[in-house]
């Protein structure tokens, strides 16, 4: 009788674990066998297609895809435009309210990927492991953002279409924003309308 109970508990535990694995929604469930998923970022100034690098930056890519899957980037602002440096967004609504996050992630800046022109990276605070949902495009070869004696910024993909859209965004007029208490905010709002995962590329 006791043996049957033990076996029953073990089977229930295994079943629970399998259900948990099947319903895991941390981003790893999105095209799980695709090391290089692509997303289309639709903005109010045009579309950008980004190829993500899950092989070198799996934590960062899965984190990003989780927000995409939950449609959490829809109608968020590109709130920072620094010409010849970065274009940043994904964290604020059009009325400048900060969007909720799933928490901070581990910094994968040591993956070997560089903050080169037209790559995409995670924004963070001063602490190395403080990235959550905001991301930026490098608008130059930003070696200063790569790791050295200190942690860098995690690159997790590159633009494969839409470089001209980013170039156009980098030329917009910016100003100091009272709402965000920062400079380099576009005078006319630039929206990220939505981000969608594209079908896998067949080679």
Protein backbone atom coordinates (compact mmCIF):
# COMPACT_ATOMS: atom_id res chain seq x y z
CA UNK A 1 0.00 0.00 0.00
CA UNK A 2 2.77 2.41 0.97
CA UNK A 3 4.68 1.52 -2.21
CA UNK A 4 1.61 2.33 -4.29
CA UNK A 5 1.28 5.70 -2.55
CA UNK A 6 4.94 6.52 -3.18
CA UNK A 7 4.64 5.55 -6.84
CA UNK A 8 1.46 7.63 -7.10
CA UNK A 9 3.18 10.68 -5.63
CA UNK A 10 6.15 10.24 -7.99
CA UNK A 11 3.91 9.95 -11.03
CA UNK A 12 1.98 13.05 -9.96
CA UNK A 13 5.22 14.97 -9.49
CA UNK A 14 6.52 13.92 -12.92
CA UNK A 15 3.21 14.89 -14.51
CA UNK A 16 3.26 18.27 -12.77
CA UNK A 17 6.81 18.94 -13.97
CA UNK A 18 5.93 17.99 -17.55
CA UNK A 19 2.89 20.28 -17.50
CA UNK A 20 5.03 23.11 -16.10
CA UNK A 21 7.63 22.60 -18.84
CA UNK A 22 4.94 22.55 -21.52
CA UNK A 23 3.35 25.75 -20.28
CA UNK A 24 6.57 27.64 -19.55
CA UNK A 25 6.25 31.13 -20.97
CA UNK A 26 9.62 32.77 -20.45
CA UNK A 27 10.23 33.20 -24.17
CA UNK A 28 12.04 29.90 -24.61
CA UNK A 29 8.79 28.38 -25.89
CA UNK A 30 8.78 30.65 -28.96
CA UNK A 31 10.34 28.84 -31.93
CA UNK A 32 12.41 26.81 -29.41
CA UNK A 33 14.49 25.09 -32.09
CA UNK A 34 15.32 28.32 -33.92
CA UNK A 35 18.62 29.89 -32.84
CA UNK A 36 18.01 32.97 -34.98
CA UNK A 37 14.34 34.03 -34.74
CA UNK A 38 13.35 37.18 -36.59
CA UNK A 39 10.96 39.89 -35.48
CA UNK A 40 9.29 42.75 -37.31
CA UNK A 41 9.19 46.01 -35.38
CA UNK A 42 6.48 48.24 -36.80
CA UNK A 43 7.00 51.91 -35.93
CA UNK A 44 5.18 55.08 -36.89
CA UNK A 45 8.14 55.83 -39.20
CA UNK A 46 8.42 52.43 -40.87
CA UNK A 47 9.26 48.79 -40.28
CA UNK A 48 12.48 47.22 -39.00
CA UNK A 49 13.33 43.53 -39.18
CA UNK A 50 15.76 42.18 -36.61
CA UNK A 51 17.45 38.80 -36.49
CA UNK A 52 17.99 37.73 -32.89
CA UNK A 53 20.94 35.61 -31.76
CA UNK A 54 19.66 33.02 -29.32
CA UNK A 55 22.84 30.95 -29.65
CA UNK A 56 25.07 33.63 -28.10
CA UNK A 57 22.52 35.54 -26.00
CA UNK A 58 19.77 33.05 -25.03
CA UNK A 59 18.70 34.74 -21.79
CA UNK A 60 18.37 38.13 -23.46
CA UNK A 61 16.61 36.85 -26.56
CA UNK A 62 14.10 34.78 -24.58
CA UNK A 63 13.42 37.73 -22.30
CA UNK A 64 12.76 39.98 -25.31
CA UNK A 65 10.52 37.38 -26.97
CA UNK A 66 8.47 37.07 -23.79
CA UNK A 67 7.52 40.75 -24.02
CA UNK A 68 6.80 40.33 -27.72
CA UNK A 69 4.61 37.28 -27.06
CA UNK A 70 2.63 39.17 -24.41
CA UNK A 71 2.21 42.11 -26.81
CA UNK A 72 3.79 44.29 -24.15
CA UNK A 73 5.73 46.43 -26.63
CA UNK A 74 2.60 47.52 -28.48
CA UNK A 75 2.07 51.30 -28.50
CA UNK A 76 5.26 52.11 -26.62
CA UNK A 77 7.55 55.03 -27.32
CA UNK A 78 10.93 55.40 -28.88
CA UNK A 79 11.80 57.92 -26.21
CA UNK A 80 15.51 58.52 -26.78
CA UNK A 81 17.27 59.54 -29.98
CA UNK A 82 20.98 60.32 -29.76
CA UNK A 83 22.31 60.81 -33.32
CA UNK A 84 25.41 58.73 -34.06
CA UNK A 85 24.93 56.88 -30.77
CA UNK A 86 21.67 55.09 -29.87
CA UNK A 87 17.90 54.95 -30.46
CA UNK A 88 16.09 53.58 -27.41
CA UNK A 89 12.53 52.51 -26.63
CA UNK A 90 10.13 49.88 -25.39
CA UNK A 91 9.59 51.18 -21.87
CA UNK A 92 6.99 53.97 -21.89
CA UNK A 93 3.41 54.53 -23.00
CA UNK A 94 2.48 57.61 -25.10
CA UNK A 95 1.48 59.41 -21.88
CA UNK A 96 4.94 58.68 -20.46
CA UNK A 97 3.90 56.03 -17.97
CA UNK A 98 6.51 53.35 -17.37
CA UNK A 99 5.43 49.88 -18.47
CA UNK A 100 5.72 46.98 -15.99
CA UNK A 101 8.55 44.50 -16.37
CA UNK A 102 9.13 40.83 -15.62
CA UNK A 103 12.21 41.69 -13.62
CA UNK A 104 15.92 42.09 -14.24
CA UNK A 105 18.02 39.62 -16.24
CA UNK A 106 21.62 38.44 -16.28
CA UNK A 107 24.02 40.56 -18.34
CA UNK A 108 25.24 38.62 -21.39
CA UNK A 109 27.59 41.35 -22.67
CA UNK A 110 30.46 38.85 -22.62
CA UNK A 111 28.90 36.75 -25.39
CA UNK A 112 31.30 38.02 -28.04
CA UNK A 113 28.66 40.13 -29.80
CA UNK A 114 29.74 43.76 -30.21
CA UNK A 115 27.75 46.99 -30.01
CA UNK A 116 28.32 47.68 -33.69
CA UNK A 117 26.25 49.82 -36.03
CA UNK A 118 22.64 48.61 -36.41
CA UNK A 119 22.81 45.96 -33.70
CA UNK A 120 20.16 45.76 -30.98
CA UNK A 121 21.08 45.72 -27.27
CA UNK A 122 19.46 45.83 -23.87
CA UNK A 123 19.30 49.12 -21.98
CA UNK A 124 20.06 49.01 -18.27
CA UNK A 125 20.77 51.10 -15.19
CA UNK A 126 24.25 51.49 -13.69
CA UNK A 127 24.19 48.01 -12.19
CA UNK A 128 25.36 45.33 -14.65
CA UNK A 129 22.36 43.02 -14.22
CA UNK A 130 19.56 45.62 -14.29
CA UNK A 131 18.22 45.22 -17.84
CA UNK A 132 14.54 44.34 -18.03
CA UNK A 133 12.50 45.47 -21.05
CA UNK A 134 13.99 48.55 -22.71
CA UNK A 135 16.24 48.06 -25.72
CA UNK A 136 18.27 50.24 -28.05
CA UNK A 137 19.72 50.23 -31.54
CA UNK A 138 23.36 51.15 -31.96
CA UNK A 139 23.70 53.97 -34.48
CA UNK A 140 27.47 53.74 -34.57
CA UNK A 141 30.21 51.27 -33.68
CA UNK A 142 29.92 51.91 -29.95
CA UNK A 143 33.00 50.24 -28.53
CA UNK A 144 32.47 52.10 -25.26
CA UNK A 145 29.38 49.93 -24.64
CA UNK A 146 31.30 46.66 -24.99
CA UNK A 147 32.71 44.92 -21.91
CA UNK A 148 36.23 45.72 -20.82
CA UNK A 149 37.31 46.25 -17.25
CA UNK A 150 33.62 46.58 -16.42
CA UNK A 151 30.38 45.04 -17.70
CA UNK A 152 29.08 46.18 -21.08
CA UNK A 153 25.63 46.21 -22.67
CA UNK A 154 24.15 42.96 -23.98
CA UNK A 155 23.84 42.74 -27.74
CA UNK A 156 21.23 40.20 -28.80
CA UNK A 157 20.66 40.70 -32.52
CA UNK A 158 21.15 42.78 -35.63
CA UNK A 159 19.00 44.69 -38.09
CA UNK A 160 18.60 42.86 -41.41
CA UNK A 161 16.02 45.21 -42.97
CA UNK A 162 14.99 48.77 -42.18
CA UNK A 163 18.33 50.49 -41.63
CA UNK A 164 16.97 53.49 -43.55
CA UNK A 165 14.10 53.74 -41.04
CA UNK A 166 16.57 53.95 -38.17
CA UNK A 167 18.63 56.51 -40.05
CA UNK A 168 15.50 58.63 -40.53
CA UNK A 169 14.59 58.34 -36.84
CA UNK A 170 18.09 59.46 -35.87
CA UNK A 171 17.49 62.75 -37.69
CA UNK A 172 14.30 63.81 -35.89
CA UNK A 173 14.20 66.89 -33.70
CA UNK A 174 14.58 66.22 -29.98
CA UNK A 175 14.08 68.21 -26.80
CA UNK A 176 14.18 68.05 -23.01
CA UNK A 177 11.13 66.23 -21.63
CA UNK A 178 9.60 67.37 -18.35
CA UNK A 179 7.66 64.11 -18.08
CA UNK A 180 10.77 61.93 -18.38
CA UNK A 181 13.20 64.46 -16.89
CA UNK A 182 15.72 63.83 -19.64
CA UNK A 183 17.01 65.17 -22.94
CA UNK A 184 17.06 63.61 -26.43
CA UNK A 185 13.29 62.93 -26.45
CA UNK A 186 11.66 63.29 -29.90
CA UNK A 187 9.52 66.43 -30.24
CA UNK A 188 6.96 64.45 -32.26
CA UNK A 189 6.30 61.07 -30.68
CA UNK A 190 7.61 57.99 -32.46
CA UNK A 191 5.57 54.89 -31.66
CA UNK A 192 6.44 51.24 -31.67
CA UNK A 193 3.07 50.05 -32.98
CA UNK A 194 3.76 46.37 -32.46
CA UNK A 195 6.41 43.69 -32.68
CA UNK A 196 5.68 40.29 -34.20
CA UNK A 197 7.70 37.10 -34.54
CA UNK A 198 8.21 36.16 -38.18
CA UNK A 199 8.10 32.60 -39.58
CA UNK A 200 11.47 30.84 -39.49
CA UNK A 201 13.74 31.48 -42.47
CA UNK A 202 14.32 28.36 -44.56
CA UNK A 203 17.85 28.00 -45.93
